[in-house]
C-alpha atoms as a PDB file:
ATOM      1  CA  MET A   1       7.014 -12.377  -3.453  1.00  0.00           C
ATOM      2  CA  ALA A   2       4.144 -10.462  -5.081  1.00  0.00           C
ATOM      3  CA  LYS A   3       4.733  -6.756  -5.575  1.00  0.00           C
ATOM      4  CA  LYS A   4       2.664  -4.443  -3.393  1.00  0.00           C
ATOM      5  CA  VAL A   5       0.613  -1.832  -5.231  1.00  0.00           C
ATOM      6  CA  LEU A   6       0.060   1.628  -3.747  1.00  0.00           C
ATOM      7  CA  THR A   7      -2.217   4.406  -4.851  1.00  0.00           C
ATOM      8  CA  VAL A   8      -2.577   7.935  -3.511  1.00  0.00           C
ATOM      9  CA  GLY A   9      -5.772   9.892  -3.843  1.00  0.00           C
ATOM     10  CA  GLU A  10      -9.330  10.622  -2.971  1.00  0.00           C
ATOM     11  CA  ILE A  11     -11.701   8.425  -1.024  1.00  0.00           C
ATOM     12  CA  LEU A  12     -15.306   9.567  -1.191  1.00  0.00           C
ATOM     13  CA  VAL A  13     -18.887   8.393  -1.378  1.00  0.00           C
ATOM     14  CA  GLU A  14     -21.039   8.491  -4.473  1.00  0.00           C
ATOM     15  CA  ILE A  15     -24.731   9.284  -4.354  1.00  0.00           C
ATOM     16  CA  VAL A  16     -26.726   8.582  -7.511  1.00  0.00           C
ATOM     17  CA  ALA A  17     -29.924  10.169  -8.816  1.00  0.00           C
ATOM     18  CA  THR A  18     -32.478   7.557  -9.805  1.00  0.00           C
ATOM     19  CA  THR A  19     -33.915   9.738 -12.597  1.00  0.00           C
ATOM     20  CA  LYS A  20     -32.214  10.802 -15.796  1.00  0.00           C
ATOM     21  CA  GLY A  21     -31.614  14.424 -16.706  1.00  0.00           C
ATOM     22  CA  ASP A  22     -29.058  17.194 -16.853  1.00  0.00           C
ATOM     23  CA  GLY A  23     -27.705  17.736 -13.366  1.00  0.00           C
ATOM     24  CA  PHE A  24     -29.283  18.738 -10.082  1.00  0.00           C
ATOM     25  CA  GLY A  25     -31.329  21.831 -10.851  1.00  0.00           C
ATOM     26  CA  GLU A  26     -34.315  20.376  -9.039  1.00  0.00           C
ATOM     27  CA  PRO A  27     -34.873  17.873  -6.191  1.00  0.00           C
ATOM     28  CA  GLN A  28     -34.093  14.275  -7.109  1.00  0.00           C
ATOM     29  CA  PRO A  29     -34.654  10.864  -5.533  1.00  0.00           C
ATOM     30  CA  LEU A  30     -31.238   9.455  -4.641  1.00  0.00           C
ATOM     31  CA  ILE A  31     -29.595   6.128  -3.799  1.00  0.00           C
ATOM     32  CA  GLY A  32     -26.348   5.546  -1.948  1.00  0.00           C
ATOM     33  CA  PRO A  33     -23.950   6.253  -0.390  1.00  0.00           C
ATOM     34  CA  PHE A  34     -21.604   3.941  -2.294  1.00  0.00           C
ATOM     35  CA  PRO A  35     -17.850   3.652  -1.567  1.00  0.00           C
ATOM     36  CA  SER A  36     -16.034   5.542  -4.319  1.00  0.00           C
ATOM     37  CA  GLY A  37     -13.139   7.679  -5.520  1.00  0.00           C
ATOM     38  CA  ALA A  38     -11.208   6.618  -8.618  1.00  0.00           C
ATOM     39  CA  PRO A  39      -8.044   5.576  -6.714  1.00  0.00           C
ATOM     40  CA  ALA A  40     -10.156   3.726  -4.145  1.00  0.00           C
ATOM     41  CA  ILE A  41     -12.063   1.810  -6.831  1.00  0.00           C
ATOM     42  CA  PHE A  42      -8.804   0.920  -8.579  1.00  0.00           C
ATOM     43  CA  ILE A  43      -7.103  -0.349  -5.423  1.00  0.00           C
ATOM     44  CA  ASP A  44     -10.206  -2.230  -4.297  1.00  0.00           C
ATOM     45  CA  GLN A  45     -10.101  -4.189  -7.565  1.00  0.00           C
ATOM     46  CA  VAL A  46      -6.395  -4.905  -6.995  1.00  0.00           C
ATOM     47  CA  GLY A  47      -7.179  -6.204  -3.528  1.00  0.00           C
ATOM     48  CA  ARG A  48     -10.097  -8.315  -4.752  1.00  0.00           C
ATOM     49  CA  LEU A  49      -7.679 -10.145  -7.041  1.00  0.00           C
ATOM     50  CA  GLY A  50      -5.408 -11.024  -4.117  1.00  0.00           C
ATOM     51  CA  THR A  51      -2.571  -8.687  -5.099  1.00  0.00           C
ATOM     52  CA  PRO A  52      -1.030  -6.848  -2.121  1.00  0.00           C
ATOM     53  CA  ALA A  53      -2.686  -3.440  -2.166  1.00  0.00           C
ATOM     54  CA  ALA A  54      -2.569  -0.175  -0.199  1.00  0.00           C
ATOM     55  CA  ILE A  55      -3.849   3.386  -0.313  1.00  0.00           C
ATOM     56  CA  ILE A  56      -2.716   6.680   1.191  1.00  0.00           C
ATOM     57  CA  SER A  57      -5.646   9.031   1.698  1.00  0.00           C
ATOM     58  CA  ARG A  58      -7.673  10.957   4.270  1.00  0.00           C
ATOM     59  CA  VAL A  59     -11.313  10.683   5.337  1.00  0.00           C
ATOM     60  CA  GLY A  60     -13.523  12.331   7.898  1.00  0.00           C
ATOM     61  CA  ASN A  61     -14.485  10.686  11.160  1.00  0.00           C
ATOM     62  CA  ASP A  62     -17.998  10.073   9.869  1.00  0.00           C
ATOM     63  CA  ASP A  63     -20.222   7.347   8.473  1.00  0.00           C
ATOM     64  CA  PHE A  64     -19.001   7.962   4.918  1.00  0.00           C
ATOM     65  CA  GLY A  65     -15.368   7.495   5.931  1.00  0.00           C
ATOM     66  CA  ARG A  66     -16.088   4.340   7.912  1.00  0.00           C
ATOM     67  CA  LEU A  67     -18.155   2.918   5.048  1.00  0.00           C
ATOM     68  CA  ASN A  68     -15.159   3.239   2.725  1.00  0.00           C
ATOM     69  CA  LEU A  69     -12.525   1.976   5.139  1.00  0.00           C
ATOM     70  CA  ASP A  70     -14.595  -1.066   6.081  1.00  0.00           C
ATOM     71  CA  ARG A  71     -15.113  -1.935   2.424  1.00  0.00           C
ATOM     72  CA  LEU A  72     -11.478  -1.510   1.405  1.00  0.00           C
ATOM     73  CA  ALA A  73     -10.181  -3.504   4.379  1.00  0.00           C
ATOM     74  CA  ALA A  74     -12.683  -6.300   3.725  1.00  0.00           C
ATOM     75  CA  ASP A  75     -11.380  -6.552   0.154  1.00  0.00           C
ATOM     76  CA  GLY A  76      -7.763  -6.899   1.264  1.00  0.00           C
ATOM     77  CA  VAL A  77      -6.536  -3.304   0.972  1.00  0.00           C
ATOM     78  CA  ASP A  78      -4.033  -2.005   3.538  1.00  0.00           C
ATOM     79  CA  VAL A  79      -5.659   1.187   4.874  1.00  0.00           C
ATOM     80  CA  SER A  80      -3.027   1.938   7.525  1.00  0.00           C
ATOM     81  CA  GLY A  81      -2.015   4.998   5.483  1.00  0.00           C
ATOM     82  CA  VAL A  82      -5.499   6.520   5.578  1.00  0.00           C
ATOM     83  CA  GLU A  83      -5.777   9.301   8.157  1.00  0.00           C
ATOM     84  CA  VAL A  84      -9.156   9.675   9.904  1.00  0.00           C
ATOM     85  CA  ALA A  85      -9.649  13.387  10.558  1.00  0.00           C
ATOM     86  CA  LYS A  86     -11.797  14.358  13.528  1.00  0.00           C
ATOM     87  CA  GLY A  87     -14.290  17.110  12.851  1.00  0.00           C
ATOM     88  CA  GLU A  88     -13.910  16.894   9.075  1.00  0.00           C
ATOM     89  CA  VAL A  89     -16.122  15.353   6.413  1.00  0.00           C
ATOM     90  CA  THR A  90     -15.447  12.653   3.861  1.00  0.00           C
ATOM     91  CA  GLY A  91     -15.604  13.721   0.215  1.00  0.00           C
ATOM     92  CA  SER A  92     -18.650  13.131  -1.957  1.00  0.00           C
ATOM     93  CA  ALA A  93     -19.753  12.954  -5.568  1.00  0.00           C
ATOM     94  CA  PHE A  94     -23.350  13.289  -6.693  1.00  0.00           C
ATOM     95  CA  VAL A  95     -24.013  11.876 -10.151  1.00  0.00           C
ATOM     96  CA  ARG A  96     -26.994  12.031 -12.472  1.00  0.00           C
ATOM     97  CA  TYR A  97     -27.166  10.233 -15.779  1.00  0.00           C
ATOM     98  CA  ARG A  98     -28.366  12.038 -18.872  1.00  0.00           C
ATOM     99  CA  PRO A  99     -30.644  10.241 -21.368  1.00  0.00           C
ATOM    100  CA  ASP A 100     -27.663   9.737 -23.739  1.00  0.00           C
ATOM    101  CA  GLY A 101     -25.701   7.863 -21.046  1.00  0.00           C
ATOM    102  CA  SER A 102     -23.306  10.705 -20.211  1.00  0.00           C
ATOM    103  CA  ARG A 103     -23.042  11.868 -16.603  1.00  0.00           C
ATOM    104  CA  LYS A 104     -23.145  15.125 -14.665  1.00  0.00           C
ATOM    105  CA  PHE A 105     -21.111  15.169 -11.432  1.00  0.00           C
ATOM    106  CA  VAL A 106     -21.129  17.507  -8.459  1.00  0.00           C
ATOM    107  CA  TYR A 107     -17.947  16.954  -6.450  1.00  0.00           C
ATOM    108  CA  ASN A 108     -16.788  17.837  -2.970  1.00  0.00           C
ATOM    109  CA  ILE A 109     -13.147  16.760  -2.933  1.00  0.00           C
ATOM    110  CA  ALA A 110     -10.909  19.809  -2.519  1.00  0.00           C
ATOM    111  CA  HIS A 111     -12.790  21.037   0.561  1.00  0.00           C
ATOM    112  CA  SER A 112     -13.236  17.627   2.178  1.00  0.00           C
ATOM    113  CA  ALA A 113     -10.859  15.755   4.469  1.00  0.00           C
ATOM    114  CA  THR A 114      -9.097  14.183   1.489  1.00  0.00           C
ATOM    115  CA  GLY A 115      -8.238  17.637   0.107  1.00  0.00           C
ATOM    116  CA  ARG A 116      -6.019  18.281   3.140  1.00  0.00           C
ATOM    117  CA  LEU A 117      -3.890  15.181   2.688  1.00  0.00           C
ATOM    118  CA  VAL A 118      -0.316  15.245   3.971  1.00  0.00           C
ATOM    119  CA  LEU A 119       2.156  12.400   4.322  1.00  0.00           C
ATOM    120  CA  THR A 120       1.764  11.188   7.910  1.00  0.00           C
ATOM    121  CA  PRO A 121       4.220   8.862   9.716  1.00  0.00           C
ATOM    122  CA  ALA A 122       1.823   5.986   9.000  1.00  0.00           C
ATOM    123  CA  GLY A 123       1.759   6.970   5.342  1.00  0.00           C
ATOM    124  CA  GLU A 124       5.565   7.163   5.288  1.00  0.00           C
ATOM    125  CA  ALA A 125       5.826   3.646   6.693  1.00  0.00           C
ATOM    126  CA  LEU A 126       3.296   2.304   4.214  1.00  0.00           C
ATOM    127  CA  LEU A 127       5.083   3.961   1.302  1.00  0.00           C
ATOM    128  CA  GLU A 128       8.312   2.174   2.196  1.00  0.00           C
ATOM    129  CA  SER A 129       6.559  -1.205   1.938  1.00  0.00           C
ATOM    130  CA  CYS A 130       5.306  -0.743  -1.634  1.00  0.00           C
ATOM    131  CA  ASP A 131       6.915  -1.616  -4.970  1.00  0.00           C
ATOM    132  CA  HIS A 132       4.519  -0.097  -7.499  1.00  0.00           C
ATOM    133  CA  LEU A 133       2.576   3.177  -7.564  1.00  0.00           C
ATOM    134  CA  HIS A 134      -0.591   3.866  -9.523  1.00  0.00           C
ATOM    135  CA  VAL A 135      -1.594   7.521 -10.034  1.00  0.00           C
ATOM    136  CA  MET A 136      -5.007   8.723 -11.202  1.00  0.00           C
ATOM    137  CA  GLY A 137      -5.417  12.137 -12.812  1.00  0.00           C
ATOM    138  CA  THR A 138      -8.123  13.090 -10.315  1.00  0.00           C
ATOM    139  CA  ALA A 139      -5.522  12.898  -7.534  1.00  0.00           C
ATOM    140  CA  LEU A 140      -3.530  15.621  -9.312  1.00  0.00           C
ATOM    141  CA  SER A 141      -6.427  18.090  -9.312  1.00  0.00           C
ATOM    142  CA  VAL A 142      -6.095  18.894  -5.586  1.00  0.00           C
ATOM    143  CA  SER A 143      -2.827  20.409  -4.358  1.00  0.00           C
ATOM    144  CA  GLY A 144      -2.446  18.281  -1.203  1.00  0.00           C
ATOM    145  CA  LEU A 145      -3.086  15.051  -3.050  1.00  0.00           C
ATOM    146  CA  ALA A 146      -0.771  16.060  -5.874  1.00  0.00           C
ATOM    147  CA  ASP A 147       2.069  16.886  -3.472  1.00  0.00           C
ATOM    148  CA  VAL A 148       1.843  13.480  -1.790  1.00  0.00           C
ATOM    149  CA  ALA A 149       1.610  11.744  -5.174  1.00  0.00           C
ATOM    150  CA  ARG A 150       4.773  13.524  -6.361  1.00  0.00           C
ATOM    151  CA  GLU A 151       6.627  12.473  -3.214  1.00  0.00           C
ATOM    152  CA  ALA A 152       5.480   8.869  -3.635  1.00  0.00           C
ATOM    153  CA  ILE A 153       6.612   8.850  -7.275  1.00  0.00           C
ATOM    154  CA  ALA A 154      10.059  10.155  -6.355  1.00  0.00           C
ATOM    155  CA  ARG A 155      10.587   7.612  -3.600  1.00  0.00           C
ATOM    156  CA  ILE A 156       9.257   4.535  -5.371  1.00  0.00           C
ATOM    157  CA  LYS A 157      11.055   5.278  -8.644  1.00  0.00           C
ATOM    158  CA  ALA A 158      14.318   6.063  -6.807  1.00  0.00           C
ATOM    159  CA  ARG A 159      14.441   2.552  -5.392  1.00  0.00           C
ATOM    160  CA  GLY A 160      13.641   0.839  -8.683  1.00  0.00           C
ATOM    161  CA  GLY A 161       9.872   0.614  -8.374  1.00  0.00           C
ATOM    162  CA  THR A 162       7.407   1.082 -11.209  1.00  0.00           C
ATOM    163  CA  LEU A 163       4.661   3.595 -11.989  1.00  0.00           C
ATOM    164  CA  SER A 164       1.361   3.298 -13.825  1.00  0.00           C
ATOM    165  CA  PHE A 165      -0.726   6.322 -14.745  1.00  0.00           C
ATOM    166  CA  ASP A 166      -4.399   6.664 -15.657  1.00  0.00           C
ATOM    167  CA  PRO A 167      -5.322  10.276 -16.541  1.00  0.00           C
ATOM    168  CA  ASN A 168      -9.020   9.630 -15.742  1.00  0.00           C
ATOM    169  CA  LEU A 169      -9.959  13.205 -16.603  1.00  0.00           C
ATOM    170  CA  ARG A 170     -13.477  14.456 -15.900  1.00  0.00           C
ATOM    171  CA  ARG A 171     -14.721  17.598 -17.624  1.00  0.00           C
ATOM    172  CA  GLU A 172     -15.428  19.052 -14.186  1.00  0.00           C
ATOM    173  CA  ILE A 173     -11.687  19.155 -13.320  1.00  0.00           C
ATOM    174  CA  LEU A 174     -10.011  19.813 -16.677  1.00  0.00           C
ATOM    175  CA  GLU A 175      -9.549  23.537 -16.048  1.00  0.00           C
ATOM    176  CA  THR A 176      -7.970  23.121 -12.603  1.00  0.00           C
ATOM    177  CA  PRO A 177      -4.922  25.437 -12.414  1.00  0.00           C
ATOM    178  CA  GLY A 178      -1.657  23.516 -12.653  1.00  0.00           C
ATOM    179  CA  LEU A 179      -3.324  20.233 -13.630  1.00  0.00           C
ATOM    180  CA  ARG A 180      -1.826  20.071 -17.118  1.00  0.00           C
ATOM    181  CA  GLN A 181       1.735  20.483 -15.817  1.00  0.00           C
ATOM    182  CA  ALA A 182       1.147  17.853 -13.116  1.00  0.00           C
ATOM    183  CA  LEU A 183      -0.185  15.379 -15.670  1.00  0.00           C
ATOM    184  CA  GLU A 184       2.856  15.860 -17.901  1.00  0.00           C
ATOM    185  CA  GLU A 185       5.212  15.382 -14.933  1.00  0.00           C
ATOM    186  CA  VAL A 186       3.632  12.061 -14.016  1.00  0.00           C
ATOM    187  CA  LEU A 187       3.589  10.863 -17.625  1.00  0.00           C
ATOM    188  CA  ALA A 188       7.339  11.522 -17.899  1.00  0.00           C
ATOM    189  CA  HIS A 189       7.976   8.955 -15.150  1.00  0.00           C
ATOM    190  CA  SER A 190       5.389   6.354 -16.233  1.00  0.00           C
ATOM    191  CA  ASP A 191       6.232   2.767 -17.107  1.00  0.00           C
ATOM    192  CA  LEU A 192       2.614   1.996 -17.984  1.00  0.00           C
ATOM    193  CA  PHE A 193       0.108   4.538 -19.339  1.00  0.00           C
ATOM    194  CA  LEU A 194      -3.636   3.741 -19.368  1.00  0.00           C
ATOM    195  CA  PRO A 195      -5.642   6.451 -21.168  1.00  0.00           C
ATOM    196  CA  SER A 196      -9.282   6.079 -22.150  1.00  0.00           C
ATOM    197  CA  GLY A 197      -9.978   6.679 -25.833  1.00  0.00           C
ATOM    198  CA  GLU A 198      -9.425  10.308 -26.771  1.00  0.00           C
ATOM    199  CA  GLU A 199      -7.312  11.014 -23.673  1.00  0.00           C
ATOM    200  CA  ILE A 200      -4.220   9.898 -25.565  1.00  0.00           C
ATOM    201  CA  TYR A 201      -4.389  13.042 -27.702  1.00  0.00           C
ATOM    202  CA  LEU A 202      -4.130  15.294 -24.646  1.00  0.00           C
ATOM    203  CA  PHE A 203      -0.443  14.447 -24.312  1.00  0.00           C
ATOM    204  CA  THR A 204       0.791  14.599 -27.905  1.00  0.00           C
ATOM    205  CA  GLU A 205       0.803  16.804 -30.975  1.00  0.00           C
ATOM    206  CA  ALA A 206      -0.420  13.919 -33.128  1.00  0.00           C
ATOM    207  CA  ASP A 207      -3.861  13.838 -34.720  1.00  0.00           C
ATOM    208  CA  ASP A 208      -4.147  10.071 -35.196  1.00  0.00           C
ATOM    209  CA  GLU A 209      -3.828   7.245 -32.702  1.00  0.00           C
ATOM    210  CA  ALA A 210      -0.868   5.435 -34.258  1.00  0.00           C
ATOM    211  CA  ALA A 211       1.198   8.609 -34.337  1.00  0.00           C
ATOM    212  CA  ALA A 212       0.214   9.496 -30.776  1.00  0.00           C
ATOM    213  CA  VAL A 213       1.249   6.055 -29.528  1.00  0.00           C
ATOM    214  CA  ALA A 214       4.545   6.207 -31.422  1.00  0.00           C
ATOM    215  CA  GLU A 215       5.315   9.652 -29.981  1.00  0.00           C
ATOM    216  CA  LEU A 216       4.699   8.520 -26.396  1.00  0.00           C
ATOM    217  CA  LEU A 217       6.815   5.396 -26.816  1.00  0.00           C
ATOM    218  CA  ARG A 218       9.637   7.540 -28.197  1.00  0.00           C
ATOM    219  CA  ARG A 219       9.342   9.787 -25.159  1.00  0.00           C
ATOM    220  CA  GLY A 220      10.061   6.852 -22.878  1.00  0.00           C
ATOM    221  CA  VAL A 221       6.662   5.489 -21.834  1.00  0.00           C
ATOM    222  CA  GLY A 222       7.291   1.747 -21.720  1.00  0.00           C
ATOM    223  CA  GLU A 223       3.793   0.413 -22.406  1.00  0.00           C
ATOM    224  CA  ILE A 224       0.452   1.953 -23.328  1.00  0.00           C
ATOM    225  CA  VAL A 225      -3.011   0.476 -22.839  1.00  0.00           C
ATOM    226  CA  ILE A 226      -5.902   2.292 -24.483  1.00  0.00           C
ATOM    227  CA  LYS A 227      -9.262   1.554 -22.880  1.00  0.00           C
ATOM    228  CA  ARG A 228     -12.067   1.650 -25.434  1.00  0.00           C
ATOM    229  CA  GLY A 229     -15.091   0.765 -23.298  1.00  0.00           C
ATOM    230  CA  ASP A 230     -17.557  -1.318 -25.288  1.00  0.00           C
ATOM    231  CA  ARG A 231     -15.017  -1.531 -28.144  1.00  0.00           C
ATOM    232  CA  GLY A 232     -12.444  -3.549 -26.198  1.00  0.00           C
ATOM    233  CA  ALA A 233      -8.876  -2.437 -25.490  1.00  0.00           C
ATOM    234  CA  SER A 234      -5.398  -2.290 -27.032  1.00  0.00           C
ATOM    235  CA  HIS A 235      -1.852  -2.674 -25.706  1.00  0.00           C
ATOM    236  CA  PHE A 236       1.204  -1.108 -27.334  1.00  0.00           C
ATOM    237  CA  ASP A 237       4.915  -1.450 -26.643  1.00  0.00           C
ATOM    238  CA  ALA A 238       8.171  -1.621 -28.603  1.00  0.00           C
ATOM    239  CA  HIS A 239       7.222  -5.115 -29.822  1.00  0.00           C
ATOM    240  CA  GLY A 240       3.929  -4.134 -31.406  1.00  0.00           C
ATOM    241  CA  ARG A 241       0.196  -4.070 -30.733  1.00  0.00           C
ATOM    242  CA  THR A 242      -2.261  -6.437 -29.042  1.00  0.00           C
ATOM    243  CA  ASP A 243      -6.050  -6.031 -29.217  1.00  0.00           C
ATOM    244  CA  VAL A 244      -8.909  -7.682 -27.337  1.00  0.00           C
ATOM    245  CA  ALA A 245     -12.560  -7.610 -28.299  1.00  0.00           C
ATOM    246  CA  PRO A 246     -15.238  -6.383 -25.894  1.00  0.00           C
ATOM    247  CA  LEU A 247     -17.301  -8.637 -23.669  1.00  0.00           C
ATOM    248  CA  TRP A 248     -21.035  -8.089 -23.900  1.00  0.00           C
ATOM    249  CA  VAL A 249     -22.932  -7.711 -20.618  1.00  0.00           C
ATOM    250  CA  ASP A 250     -26.051  -5.891 -19.501  1.00  0.00           C
ATOM    251  CA  GLU A 251     -24.830  -2.456 -18.435  1.00  0.00           C
ATOM    252  CA  VAL A 252     -26.388  -1.105 -15.255  1.00  0.00           C
ATOM    253  CA  ASP A 253     -23.855   1.545 -14.158  1.00  0.00           C
ATOM    254  CA  PRO A 254     -20.629   2.341 -16.052  1.00  0.00           C
ATOM    255  CA  THR A 255     -19.020   4.422 -13.290  1.00  0.00           C
ATOM    256  CA  GLY A 256     -15.827   2.729 -12.077  1.00  0.00           C
ATOM    257  CA  ALA A 257     -15.439   0.394 -15.044  1.00  0.00           C
ATOM    258  CA  GLY A 258     -12.198   1.992 -16.221  1.00  0.00           C
ATOM    259  CA  ASP A 259     -10.796   1.927 -12.690  1.00  0.00           C
ATOM    260  CA  CYS A 260     -11.587  -1.777 -12.328  1.00  0.00           C
ATOM    261  CA  PHE A 261     -10.045  -2.394 -15.759  1.00  0.00           C
ATOM    262  CA  GLY A 262      -6.873  -0.669 -14.581  1.00  0.00           C
ATOM    263  CA  GLY A 263      -6.770  -2.559 -11.299  1.00  0.00           C
ATOM    264  CA  ALA A 264      -7.004  -5.891 -13.060  1.00  0.00           C
ATOM    265  CA  PHE A 265      -4.472  -5.004 -15.759  1.00  0.00           C
ATOM    266  CA  VAL A 266      -1.883  -3.753 -13.276  1.00  0.00           C
ATOM    267  CA  SER A 267      -2.349  -6.839 -11.090  1.00  0.00           C
ATOM    268  CA  LEU A 268      -1.789  -9.228 -13.996  1.00  0.00           C
ATOM    269  CA  TRP A 269       1.001  -7.082 -15.494  1.00  0.00           C
ATOM    270  CA  LEU A 270       2.967  -7.052 -12.242  1.00  0.00           C
ATOM    271  CA  ALA A 271       2.518 -10.816 -11.964  1.00  0.00           C
ATOM    272  CA  GLY A 272       4.251 -11.268 -15.328  1.00  0.00           C
ATOM    273  CA  ALA A 273       1.204 -12.059 -17.482  1.00  0.00           C
ATOM    274  CA  SER A 274       1.422 -11.523 -21.231  1.00  0.00           C
ATOM    275  CA  PRO A 275      -0.226  -8.380 -22.635  1.00  0.00           C
ATOM    276  CA  GLU A 276      -2.996 -10.521 -24.146  1.00  0.00           C
ATOM    277  CA  THR A 277      -3.770 -12.265 -20.855  1.00  0.00           C
ATOM    278  CA  ALA A 278      -3.655  -9.045 -18.847  1.00  0.00           C
ATOM    279  CA  LEU A 279      -5.929  -7.337 -21.389  1.00  0.00           C
ATOM    280  CA  ARG A 280      -8.451 -10.180 -21.329  1.00  0.00           C
ATOM    281  CA  TYR A 281      -8.749 -10.102 -17.556  1.00  0.00           C
ATOM    282  CA  ALA A 282      -8.840  -6.304 -17.474  1.00  0.00           C
ATOM    283  CA  ASN A 283     -11.557  -6.285 -20.123  1.00  0.00           C
ATOM    284  CA  ALA A 284     -13.527  -8.773 -18.056  1.00  0.00           C
ATOM    285  CA  ALA A 285     -13.076  -6.661 -14.919  1.00  0.00           C
ATOM    286  CA  GLY A 286     -14.390  -3.583 -16.709  1.00  0.00           C
ATOM    287  CA  ALA A 287     -17.357  -5.551 -18.039  1.00  0.00           C
ATOM    288  CA  HIS A 288     -18.130  -7.043 -14.626  1.00  0.00           C
ATOM    289  CA  ALA A 289     -17.986  -3.592 -13.050  1.00  0.00           C
ATOM    290  CA  VAL A 290     -20.874  -2.218 -15.110  1.00  0.00           C
ATOM    291  CA  THR A 291     -23.295  -4.947 -14.020  1.00  0.00           C
ATOM    292  CA  GLU A 292     -23.880  -3.444 -10.545  1.00  0.00           C
ATOM    293  CA  ILE A 293     -25.142  -0.062  -9.354  1.00  0.00           C
ATOM    294  CA  GLY A 294     -22.379   1.762  -7.501  1.00  0.00           C
ATOM    295  CA  PRO A 295     -18.821   2.387  -8.724  1.00  0.00           C
ATOM    296  CA  MET A 296     -17.124  -0.188  -6.479  1.00  0.00           C
ATOM    297  CA  GLU A 297     -19.918  -2.755  -6.288  1.00  0.00           C
ATOM    298  CA  GLY A 298     -18.857  -4.572  -9.453  1.00  0.00           C
ATOM    299  CA  ALA A 299     -15.194  -5.111  -8.480  1.00  0.00           C
ATOM    300  CA  ALA A 300     -14.538  -8.795  -9.167  1.00  0.00           C
ATOM    301  CA  THR A 301     -12.592 -11.719  -7.754  1.00  0.00           C
ATOM    302  CA  ARG A 302     -10.389 -13.925  -9.947  1.00  0.00           C
ATOM    303  CA  ASP A 303     -13.051 -16.647  -9.853  1.00  0.00           C
ATOM    304  CA  GLN A 304     -15.690 -14.213 -11.078  1.00  0.00           C
ATOM    305  CA  LEU A 305     -13.452 -13.084 -13.935  1.00  0.00           C
ATOM    306  CA  ASP A 306     -12.638 -16.684 -14.851  1.00  0.00           C
ATOM    307  CA  ALA A 307     -16.364 -17.398 -14.999  1.00  0.00           C
ATOM    308  CA  LEU A 308     -17.007 -14.374 -17.216  1.00  0.00           C
ATOM    309  CA  LEU A 309     -14.197 -15.469 -19.521  1.00  0.00           C
ATOM    310  CA  GLY A 310     -15.490 -19.053 -19.617  1.00  0.00           C
ATOM    311  CA  LEU A 311     -12.406 -20.380 -17.809  1.00  0.00           C
ATOM    312  CA  THR A 312     -14.195 -21.940 -14.822  1.00  0.00           C
ATOM    313  CA  LYS A 313     -13.041 -25.513 -14.285  1.00  0.00           C
ATOM    314  CA  GLY A 314     -15.743 -28.150 -14.426  1.00  0.00           C
END
């Protein structure tokens, strides 16, 4: 039986400025709302690949919450652990791209419905049905989310389940009090660590990648996957290193690409795929994700990934 993947964290909508510039200091034309939230994007990609998938979260009883729940359920995600809070609002993220391709975000997470997450009876029941937990760093930046994530880690690991961890750190949340300690706690329990580029140096004293990887493996992290964006990706474990080259596509919107990469890698990894195969599909998922506007719009099915990889049967 396929292992069921759970994530805990924010569900929100993303609203995107159609002009480029530095932030929202003046009125902007906008498009959206798009279903979003790093954990939600990740688990949507897991569900799109047919892997049993679930999320524990909290949304407001509003259009933004319904938009997200309808999308996740349609893509095969178990949303029974998502509480719908009457009189509260679903979280949001406004994003504007700068001319150099970097992004400026304005978040409402901590003061939205998702920021008041507690483990409900429905969430408890869902947690007991899952075998693997995936934690995103953004979920550790809000105390309620972090508390539920810690409880989920303890329970799933205690019964022999596995944990993957993607730090997914935005500049806007790096200075959150207590975040560093929470990140280190999750890393200490991780079977699979998925940093993006320079994030690997946040958790070691090393000043080069090879030394940083070696230090983390010595500390007990079983496997490490470094996401390199348009430079491909690399997998490391006690047996050595595996690299995959990037796939070239026309980039429309990079938001969510790393989350889709993670969703595909975890799905293939749990199914017993080799590191090379899991990396190839994850790379394809990240590439597919950037071809659509909206962070969840590019989440791909297995057939779509096969086509991108040239594996479609004639």
